[in-house]
Amino acid sequence: MMGWLKRNWRLVVGLLLLGAVLYLIIVPNFCGRPVAITRQMRPGEQWRYTLVQTFQLKDQSAQLELRITDTVKTVQPDGSAIVERTLEGDPEAIRALREYMLPFGELRERMRLRFTPEGEEIPLENTAMLLTSVPYAYPHRAVRVGEQWEKLHTVGSMKTRYRCRLTGWERVEGAPCYKIVARAEPMPDSLPQIQGEITVYLDAKRKWTRAIHGKLLMSAGSLQAHTTLELKGHPAEEGKTQ
């Protein structure tokens, strides 16, 4: 073995240098440089998601599973985009979800939204919606691994502060992703109040959501509901089945 290394030391050194260069190219934030995390969108781009959410209220529980498809129709000069979203799933589950979300507006199986580079999803009509991205996971400045930021998220009377940290990167089904851990803290005047932790994986190239895992507690007075959230997605051109 030592003899082979001595005879081929130039090859070994070359391979090590090549590996180091490829690592620097492929691995985001390897050198600790700050990165700007803003979603990039192209006309015709399509992402497909599977959402599984469970609810536990006292001795009652329920599980929801939906397929969500987001298709970019047009992209504006500011980087925002008009997106068409479709929902698919068990008709009874969609009916129950529609009733549950009535206070927030009508949930439609086809809707149009405006997506922003900062992760916001804004309905163009008075409709309820399910998010495939969470805006608090997008920092308002370039950040390094280990850095934190805070954002206040408001939905109706529910006000939550999210303390977020870029913890590094991981691969999700082979795709390099930024890993962001967000801790939810309710504001004193929020109703209902929400607390817990959510982990978000953003595609390192396009900055769309690849996965979300979360465990949250929602409370209003003496009522408490536990929910878990699992969202997985990929661009349609990857040809995966869900």
C-alpha atoms as a PDB file:
ATOM      1  CA  MET A   1       0.000   0.000   0.000  1.00  0.00           C
ATOM      2  CA  MET A   2       2.730   2.463   0.937  1.00  0.00           C
ATOM      3  CA  GLY A   3       4.575   1.593  -2.251  1.00  0.00           C
ATOM      4  CA  TRP A   4       1.503   2.343  -4.341  1.00  0.00           C
ATOM      5  CA  LEU A   5       1.026   5.690  -2.577  1.00  0.00           C
ATOM      6  CA  LYS A   6       4.647   6.658  -3.245  1.00  0.00           C
ATOM      7  CA  ARG A   7       4.346   5.776  -6.934  1.00  0.00           C
ATOM      8  CA  ASN A   8       1.004   7.561  -7.378  1.00  0.00           C
ATOM      9  CA  TRP A   9       1.301  10.465  -4.961  1.00  0.00           C
ATOM     10  CA  ARG A  10       0.626  13.030  -7.694  1.00  0.00           C
ATOM     11  CA  LEU A  11      -2.652  11.278  -8.571  1.00  0.00           C
ATOM     12  CA  VAL A  12      -3.683  11.166  -4.908  1.00  0.00           C
ATOM     13  CA  VAL A  13      -2.933  14.860  -4.384  1.00  0.00           C
ATOM     14  CA  GLY A  14      -4.804  15.743  -7.571  1.00  0.00           C
ATOM     15  CA  LEU A  15      -7.885  13.806  -6.489  1.00  0.00           C
ATOM     16  CA  LEU A  16      -7.844  15.444  -3.066  1.00  0.00           C
ATOM     17  CA  LEU A  17      -7.614  18.907  -4.605  1.00  0.00           C
ATOM     18  CA  LEU A  18     -10.419  18.116  -7.048  1.00  0.00           C
ATOM     19  CA  GLY A  19     -12.600  16.878  -4.185  1.00  0.00           C
ATOM     20  CA  ALA A  20     -11.923  20.036  -2.201  1.00  0.00           C
ATOM     21  CA  VAL A  21     -12.888  22.244  -5.157  1.00  0.00           C
ATOM     22  CA  LEU A  22     -16.101  20.304  -5.805  1.00  0.00           C
ATOM     23  CA  TYR A  23     -16.984  20.474  -2.103  1.00  0.00           C
ATOM     24  CA  LEU A  24     -16.574  24.242  -2.115  1.00  0.00           C
ATOM     25  CA  ILE A  25     -18.822  24.496  -5.155  1.00  0.00           C
ATOM     26  CA  ILE A  26     -21.533  22.083  -4.031  1.00  0.00           C
ATOM     27  CA  VAL A  27     -21.764  22.676  -0.298  1.00  0.00           C
ATOM     28  CA  PRO A  28     -23.511  25.969   0.481  1.00  0.00           C
ATOM     29  CA  ASN A  29     -21.893  28.264   3.005  1.00  0.00           C
ATOM     30  CA  PHE A  30     -18.828  26.001   3.416  1.00  0.00           C
ATOM     31  CA  CYS A  31     -16.461  28.925   4.065  1.00  0.00           C
ATOM     32  CA  GLY A  32     -18.822  30.685   6.445  1.00  0.00           C
ATOM     33  CA  ARG A  33     -19.648  33.387   3.930  1.00  0.00           C
ATOM     34  CA  PRO A  34     -23.061  35.068   4.360  1.00  0.00           C
ATOM     35  CA  VAL A  35     -25.800  33.858   2.049  1.00  0.00           C
ATOM     36  CA  ALA A  36     -28.912  35.683   0.861  1.00  0.00           C
ATOM     37  CA  ILE A  37     -31.918  33.365   1.018  1.00  0.00           C
ATOM     38  CA  THR A  38     -34.526  34.640  -1.443  1.00  0.00           C
ATOM     39  CA  ARG A  39     -36.830  32.492  -3.549  1.00  0.00           C
ATOM     40  CA  GLN A  40     -36.206  32.498  -7.294  1.00  0.00           C
ATOM     41  CA  MET A  41     -39.065  31.876  -9.711  1.00  0.00           C
ATOM     42  CA  ARG A  42     -39.335  31.161 -13.452  1.00  0.00           C
ATOM     43  CA  PRO A  43     -42.415  31.282 -15.708  1.00  0.00           C
ATOM     44  CA  GLY A  44     -43.790  27.764 -16.115  1.00  0.00           C
ATOM     45  CA  GLU A  45     -41.955  26.419 -13.077  1.00  0.00           C
ATOM     46  CA  GLN A  46     -43.979  23.876 -11.111  1.00  0.00           C
ATOM     47  CA  TRP A  47     -43.498  22.420  -7.624  1.00  0.00           C
ATOM     48  CA  ARG A  48     -45.471  19.526  -6.193  1.00  0.00           C
ATOM     49  CA  TYR A  49     -46.042  18.963  -2.483  1.00  0.00           C
ATOM     50  CA  THR A  50     -47.538  16.421  -0.146  1.00  0.00           C
ATOM     51  CA  LEU A  51     -48.892  17.783   3.139  1.00  0.00           C
ATOM     52  CA  VAL A  52     -49.688  15.520   6.092  1.00  0.00           C
ATOM     53  CA  GLN A  53     -51.025  17.207   9.217  1.00  0.00           C
ATOM     54  CA  THR A  54     -52.386  15.628  12.385  1.00  0.00           C
ATOM     55  CA  PHE A  55     -54.569  17.275  15.032  1.00  0.00           C
ATOM     56  CA  GLN A  56     -55.115  16.174  18.623  1.00  0.00           C
ATOM     57  CA  LEU A  57     -57.781  17.873  20.749  1.00  0.00           C
ATOM     58  CA  LYS A  58     -58.425  16.172  24.087  1.00  0.00           C
ATOM     59  CA  ASP A  59     -59.326  12.577  23.190  1.00  0.00           C
ATOM     60  CA  GLN A  60     -60.124  13.338  19.549  1.00  0.00           C
ATOM     61  CA  SER A  61     -57.628  13.166  16.695  1.00  0.00           C
ATOM     62  CA  ALA A  62     -57.672  13.617  12.944  1.00  0.00           C
ATOM     63  CA  GLN A  63     -55.218  13.430  10.071  1.00  0.00           C
ATOM     64  CA  LEU A  64     -55.241  15.406   6.849  1.00  0.00           C
ATOM     65  CA  GLU A  65     -53.321  14.506   3.689  1.00  0.00           C
ATOM     66  CA  LEU A  66     -53.287  16.750   0.631  1.00  0.00           C
ATOM     67  CA  ARG A  67     -51.404  17.077  -2.635  1.00  0.00           C
ATOM     68  CA  ILE A  68     -50.578  20.651  -3.602  1.00  0.00           C
ATOM     69  CA  THR A  69     -49.302  21.846  -6.985  1.00  0.00           C
ATOM     70  CA  ASP A  70     -47.920  25.367  -7.466  1.00  0.00           C
ATOM     71  CA  THR A  71     -47.397  26.583 -11.057  1.00  0.00           C
ATOM     72  CA  VAL A  72     -45.697  29.910 -11.829  1.00  0.00           C
ATOM     73  CA  LYS A  73     -47.696  31.814 -14.453  1.00  0.00           C
ATOM     74  CA  THR A  74     -45.832  35.121 -14.709  1.00  0.00           C
ATOM     75  CA  VAL A  75     -42.837  36.736 -13.001  1.00  0.00           C
ATOM     76  CA  GLN A  76     -42.771  40.453 -12.229  1.00  0.00           C
ATOM     77  CA  PRO A  77     -39.715  42.764 -12.487  1.00  0.00           C
ATOM     78  CA  ASP A  78     -39.429  42.819  -8.671  1.00  0.00           C
ATOM     79  CA  GLY A  79     -39.005  39.025  -8.612  1.00  0.00           C
ATOM     80  CA  SER A  80     -42.522  38.270  -7.352  1.00  0.00           C
ATOM     81  CA  ALA A  81     -44.731  35.895  -9.310  1.00  0.00           C
ATOM     82  CA  ILE A  82     -48.356  35.054  -9.992  1.00  0.00           C
ATOM     83  CA  VAL A  83     -48.871  31.402  -9.088  1.00  0.00           C
ATOM     84  CA  GLU A  84     -51.780  29.048  -9.648  1.00  0.00           C
ATOM     85  CA  ARG A  85     -52.328  26.517  -6.856  1.00  0.00           C
ATOM     86  CA  THR A  86     -54.406  23.352  -6.983  1.00  0.00           C
ATOM     87  CA  LEU A  87     -55.363  21.076  -4.088  1.00  0.00           C
ATOM     88  CA  GLU A  88     -56.102  17.370  -4.385  1.00  0.00           C
ATOM     89  CA  GLY A  89     -57.117  14.869  -1.747  1.00  0.00           C
ATOM     90  CA  ASP A  90     -59.951  12.889  -0.276  1.00  0.00           C
ATOM     91  CA  PRO A  91     -63.185  14.861  -0.911  1.00  0.00           C
ATOM     92  CA  GLU A  92     -64.370  14.340   2.662  1.00  0.00           C
ATOM     93  CA  ALA A  93     -61.053  15.584   4.055  1.00  0.00           C
ATOM     94  CA  ILE A  94     -61.188  18.681   1.851  1.00  0.00           C
ATOM     95  CA  ARG A  95     -64.792  19.325   2.894  1.00  0.00           C
ATOM     96  CA  ALA A  96     -63.860  19.094   6.586  1.00  0.00           C
ATOM     97  CA  LEU A  97     -60.860  21.356   6.061  1.00  0.00           C
ATOM     98  CA  ARG A  98     -63.008  23.871   4.188  1.00  0.00           C
ATOM     99  CA  GLU A  99     -65.417  24.047   7.143  1.00  0.00           C
ATOM    100  CA  TYR A 100     -62.539  24.354   9.623  1.00  0.00           C
ATOM    101  CA  MET A 101     -60.999  27.262   7.698  1.00  0.00           C
ATOM    102  CA  LEU A 102     -64.228  29.212   7.072  1.00  0.00           C
ATOM    103  CA  PRO A 103     -63.268  31.953   9.599  1.00  0.00           C
ATOM    104  CA  PHE A 104     -60.236  32.701   7.406  1.00  0.00           C
ATOM    105  CA  GLY A 105     -62.178  32.698   4.116  1.00  0.00           C
ATOM    106  CA  GLU A 106     -63.305  30.166   1.545  1.00  0.00           C
ATOM    107  CA  LEU A 107     -60.823  27.383   0.808  1.00  0.00           C
ATOM    108  CA  ARG A 108     -60.805  26.670  -2.920  1.00  0.00           C
ATOM    109  CA  GLU A 109     -59.296  23.735  -4.748  1.00  0.00           C
ATOM    110  CA  ARG A 110     -57.911  26.109  -7.376  1.00  0.00           C
ATOM    111  CA  MET A 111     -56.677  29.606  -6.533  1.00  0.00           C
ATOM    112  CA  ARG A 112     -54.222  32.280  -7.641  1.00  0.00           C
ATOM    113  CA  LEU A 113     -51.620  33.839  -5.364  1.00  0.00           C
ATOM    114  CA  ARG A 114     -48.719  36.243  -5.476  1.00  0.00           C
ATOM    115  CA  PHE A 115     -45.445  34.741  -4.291  1.00  0.00           C
ATOM    116  CA  THR A 116     -42.634  37.043  -3.181  1.00  0.00           C
ATOM    117  CA  PRO A 117     -38.887  36.310  -3.088  1.00  0.00           C
ATOM    118  CA  GLU A 118     -39.134  36.643   0.717  1.00  0.00           C
ATOM    119  CA  GLY A 119     -41.365  33.575   0.988  1.00  0.00           C
ATOM    120  CA  GLU A 120     -44.730  35.323   1.292  1.00  0.00           C
ATOM    121  CA  GLU A 121     -47.809  33.768  -0.327  1.00  0.00           C
ATOM    122  CA  ILE A 122     -50.589  36.329  -0.778  1.00  0.00           C
ATOM    123  CA  PRO A 123     -54.023  35.278  -2.124  1.00  0.00           C
ATOM    124  CA  LEU A 124     -55.327  37.476  -4.950  1.00  0.00           C
ATOM    125  CA  GLU A 125     -58.900  36.874  -3.807  1.00  0.00           C
ATOM    126  CA  ASN A 126     -60.570  36.627  -0.414  1.00  0.00           C
ATOM    127  CA  THR A 127     -59.715  32.971   0.082  1.00  0.00           C
ATOM    128  CA  ALA A 128     -58.278  30.832   2.844  1.00  0.00           C
ATOM    129  CA  MET A 129     -55.026  29.103   1.984  1.00  0.00           C
ATOM    130  CA  LEU A 130     -52.458  26.560   3.043  1.00  0.00           C
ATOM    131  CA  LEU A 131     -48.821  27.605   2.979  1.00  0.00           C
ATOM    132  CA  THR A 132     -46.042  25.730   1.194  1.00  0.00           C
ATOM    133  CA  SER A 133     -43.499  28.272   2.387  1.00  0.00           C
ATOM    134  CA  VAL A 134     -43.148  30.177   5.647  1.00  0.00           C
ATOM    135  CA  PRO A 135     -41.943  33.784   5.312  1.00  0.00           C
ATOM    136  CA  TYR A 136     -40.225  33.836   8.692  1.00  0.00           C
ATOM    137  CA  ALA A 137     -37.719  31.259   7.382  1.00  0.00           C
ATOM    138  CA  TYR A 138     -36.403  33.858   4.911  1.00  0.00           C
ATOM    139  CA  PRO A 139     -34.021  36.255   6.710  1.00  0.00           C
ATOM    140  CA  HIS A 140     -34.209  39.949   5.841  1.00  0.00           C
ATOM    141  CA  ARG A 141     -30.429  40.053   5.393  1.00  0.00           C
ATOM    142  CA  ALA A 142     -27.628  37.755   4.295  1.00  0.00           C
ATOM    143  CA  VAL A 143     -26.738  35.368   7.137  1.00  0.00           C
ATOM    144  CA  ARG A 144     -24.025  32.908   8.086  1.00  0.00           C
ATOM    145  CA  VAL A 145     -24.457  29.480   9.616  1.00  0.00           C
ATOM    146  CA  GLY A 146     -25.327  29.944  13.290  1.00  0.00           C
ATOM    147  CA  GLU A 147     -26.821  33.424  12.890  1.00  0.00           C
ATOM    148  CA  GLN A 148     -30.320  34.212  14.140  1.00  0.00           C
ATOM    149  CA  TRP A 149     -33.132  36.517  13.135  1.00  0.00           C
ATOM    150  CA  GLU A 150     -36.668  37.237  14.333  1.00  0.00           C
ATOM    151  CA  LYS A 151     -39.926  37.854  12.510  1.00  0.00           C
ATOM    152  CA  LEU A 152     -43.448  38.594  13.712  1.00  0.00           C
ATOM    153  CA  HIS A 153     -46.131  36.635  11.831  1.00  0.00           C
ATOM    154  CA  THR A 154     -49.779  37.713  12.070  1.00  0.00           C
ATOM    155  CA  VAL A 155     -52.837  35.802  10.854  1.00  0.00           C
ATOM    156  CA  GLY A 156     -56.018  37.551  11.987  1.00  0.00           C
ATOM    157  CA  SER A 157     -55.806  37.795  15.778  1.00  0.00           C
ATOM    158  CA  MET A 158     -53.027  35.201  16.020  1.00  0.00           C
ATOM    159  CA  LYS A 159     -49.661  36.906  16.523  1.00  0.00           C
ATOM    160  CA  THR A 160     -46.504  34.832  16.814  1.00  0.00           C
ATOM    161  CA  ARG A 161     -42.842  35.718  17.090  1.00  0.00           C
ATOM    162  CA  TYR A 162     -40.496  33.291  15.345  1.00  0.00           C
ATOM    163  CA  ARG A 163     -36.873  33.098  16.441  1.00  0.00           C
ATOM    164  CA  CYS A 164     -35.013  31.522  13.541  1.00  0.00           C
ATOM    165  CA  ARG A 165     -31.497  30.192  13.064  1.00  0.00           C
ATOM    166  CA  LEU A 166     -29.629  28.958  10.008  1.00  0.00           C
ATOM    167  CA  THR A 167     -28.133  25.797  11.468  1.00  0.00           C
ATOM    168  CA  GLY A 168     -26.351  24.558   8.344  1.00  0.00           C
ATOM    169  CA  TRP A 169     -27.275  22.460   5.365  1.00  0.00           C
ATOM    170  CA  GLU A 170     -28.558  18.963   4.704  1.00  0.00           C
ATOM    171  CA  ARG A 171     -29.566  16.965   1.676  1.00  0.00           C
ATOM    172  CA  VAL A 172     -33.261  16.243   1.210  1.00  0.00           C
ATOM    173  CA  GLU A 173     -33.729  13.395  -1.263  1.00  0.00           C
ATOM    174  CA  GLY A 174     -30.343  14.234  -2.733  1.00  0.00           C
ATOM    175  CA  ALA A 175     -30.874  18.000  -3.052  1.00  0.00           C
ATOM    176  CA  PRO A 176     -28.666  20.350  -0.971  1.00  0.00           C
ATOM    177  CA  CYS A 177     -30.835  22.485   1.311  1.00  0.00           C
ATOM    178  CA  TYR A 178     -30.425  25.231   3.870  1.00  0.00           C
ATOM    179  CA  LYS A 179     -31.698  24.022   7.250  1.00  0.00           C
ATOM    180  CA  ILE A 180     -33.534  26.622   9.313  1.00  0.00           C
ATOM    181  CA  VAL A 181     -34.934  25.957  12.786  1.00  0.00           C
ATOM    182  CA  ALA A 182     -37.721  28.295  13.935  1.00  0.00           C
ATOM    183  CA  ARG A 183     -39.112  28.493  17.475  1.00  0.00           C
ATOM    184  CA  ALA A 184     -42.610  29.901  17.806  1.00  0.00           C
ATOM    185  CA  GLU A 185     -43.464  32.148  20.750  1.00  0.00           C
ATOM    186  CA  PRO A 186     -46.963  33.644  21.139  1.00  0.00           C
ATOM    187  CA  MET A 187     -47.408  37.355  21.655  1.00  0.00           C
ATOM    188  CA  PRO A 188     -49.306  38.231  24.880  1.00  0.00           C
ATOM    189  CA  ASP A 189     -52.417  39.492  23.026  1.00  0.00           C
ATOM    190  CA  SER A 190     -52.524  36.642  20.505  1.00  0.00           C
ATOM    191  CA  LEU A 191     -55.688  34.540  20.175  1.00  0.00           C
ATOM    192  CA  PRO A 192     -55.210  31.674  19.824  1.00  0.00           C
ATOM    193  CA  GLN A 193     -51.636  31.293  21.033  1.00  0.00           C
ATOM    194  CA  ILE A 194     -49.172  29.055  19.244  1.00  0.00           C
ATOM    195  CA  GLN A 195     -45.830  27.693  20.383  1.00  0.00           C
ATOM    196  CA  GLY A 196     -43.444  24.969  19.307  1.00  0.00           C
ATOM    197  CA  GLU A 197     -40.678  24.327  16.810  1.00  0.00           C
ATOM    198  CA  ILE A 198     -40.572  24.054  13.042  1.00  0.00           C
ATOM    199  CA  THR A 199     -37.649  22.910  10.893  1.00  0.00           C
ATOM    200  CA  VAL A 200     -37.591  24.199   7.316  1.00  0.00           C
ATOM    201  CA  TYR A 201     -35.426  22.921   4.467  1.00  0.00           C
ATOM    202  CA  LEU A 202     -35.036  25.381   1.580  1.00  0.00           C
ATOM    203  CA  ASP A 203     -33.605  24.237  -1.743  1.00  0.00           C
ATOM    204  CA  ALA A 204     -30.101  25.737  -1.890  1.00  0.00           C
ATOM    205  CA  LYS A 205     -30.412  26.586  -5.587  1.00  0.00           C
ATOM    206  CA  ARG A 206     -33.984  27.857  -6.034  1.00  0.00           C
ATOM    207  CA  LYS A 207     -34.852  28.626  -2.349  1.00  0.00           C
ATOM    208  CA  TRP A 208     -38.250  26.926  -2.649  1.00  0.00           C
ATOM    209  CA  THR A 209     -39.383  24.694   0.208  1.00  0.00           C
ATOM    210  CA  ARG A 210     -38.172  21.090   0.058  1.00  0.00           C
ATOM    211  CA  ALA A 211     -39.504  20.016   3.443  1.00  0.00           C
ATOM    212  CA  ILE A 212     -41.083  21.278   6.656  1.00  0.00           C
ATOM    213  CA  HIS A 213     -41.337  19.338   9.919  1.00  0.00           C
ATOM    214  CA  GLY A 214     -43.135  20.885  12.862  1.00  0.00           C
ATOM    215  CA  LYS A 215     -44.759  20.211  16.229  1.00  0.00           C
ATOM    216  CA  LEU A 216     -46.996  22.961  17.569  1.00  0.00           C
ATOM    217  CA  LEU A 217     -49.336  23.594  20.484  1.00  0.00           C
ATOM    218  CA  MET A 218     -52.293  25.916  19.928  1.00  0.00           C
ATOM    219  CA  SER A 219     -54.225  27.159  22.943  1.00  0.00           C
ATOM    220  CA  ALA A 220     -57.238  29.365  23.549  1.00  0.00           C
ATOM    221  CA  GLY A 221     -58.281  29.605  27.168  1.00  0.00           C
ATOM    222  CA  SER A 222     -58.571  26.083  28.578  1.00  0.00           C
ATOM    223  CA  LEU A 223     -58.607  24.458  25.128  1.00  0.00           C
ATOM    224  CA  GLN A 224     -55.342  23.039  23.791  1.00  0.00           C
ATOM    225  CA  ALA A 225     -54.713  21.375  20.443  1.00  0.00           C
ATOM    226  CA  HIS A 226     -51.526  19.609  19.390  1.00  0.00           C
ATOM    227  CA  THR A 227     -50.624  19.470  15.725  1.00  0.00           C
ATOM    228  CA  THR A 228     -47.786  17.963  13.718  1.00  0.00           C
ATOM    229  CA  LEU A 229     -46.903  19.111  10.231  1.00  0.00           C
ATOM    230  CA  GLU A 230     -45.018  17.248   7.501  1.00  0.00           C
ATOM    231  CA  LEU A 231     -44.586  18.884   4.094  1.00  0.00           C
ATOM    232  CA  LYS A 232     -42.407  17.484   1.301  1.00  0.00           C
ATOM    233  CA  GLY A 233     -41.928  18.935  -2.157  1.00  0.00           C
ATOM    234  CA  HIS A 234     -39.913  18.861  -5.338  1.00  0.00           C
ATOM    235  CA  PRO A 235     -39.866  20.533  -8.755  1.00  0.00           C
ATOM    236  CA  ALA A 236     -41.997  18.701 -11.314  1.00  0.00           C
ATOM    237  CA  GLU A 237     -39.058  18.141 -13.667  1.00  0.00           C
ATOM    238  CA  GLU A 238     -37.489  15.746 -11.178  1.00  0.00           C
ATOM    239  CA  GLY A 239     -40.210  13.307 -12.152  1.00  0.00           C
ATOM    240  CA  LYS A 240     -40.829  11.894  -8.687  1.00  0.00           C
ATOM    241  CA  THR A 241     -44.118  10.374  -7.644  1.00  0.00           C
ATOM    242  CA  GLN A 242     -45.766  11.233  -4.351  1.00  0.00           C
END
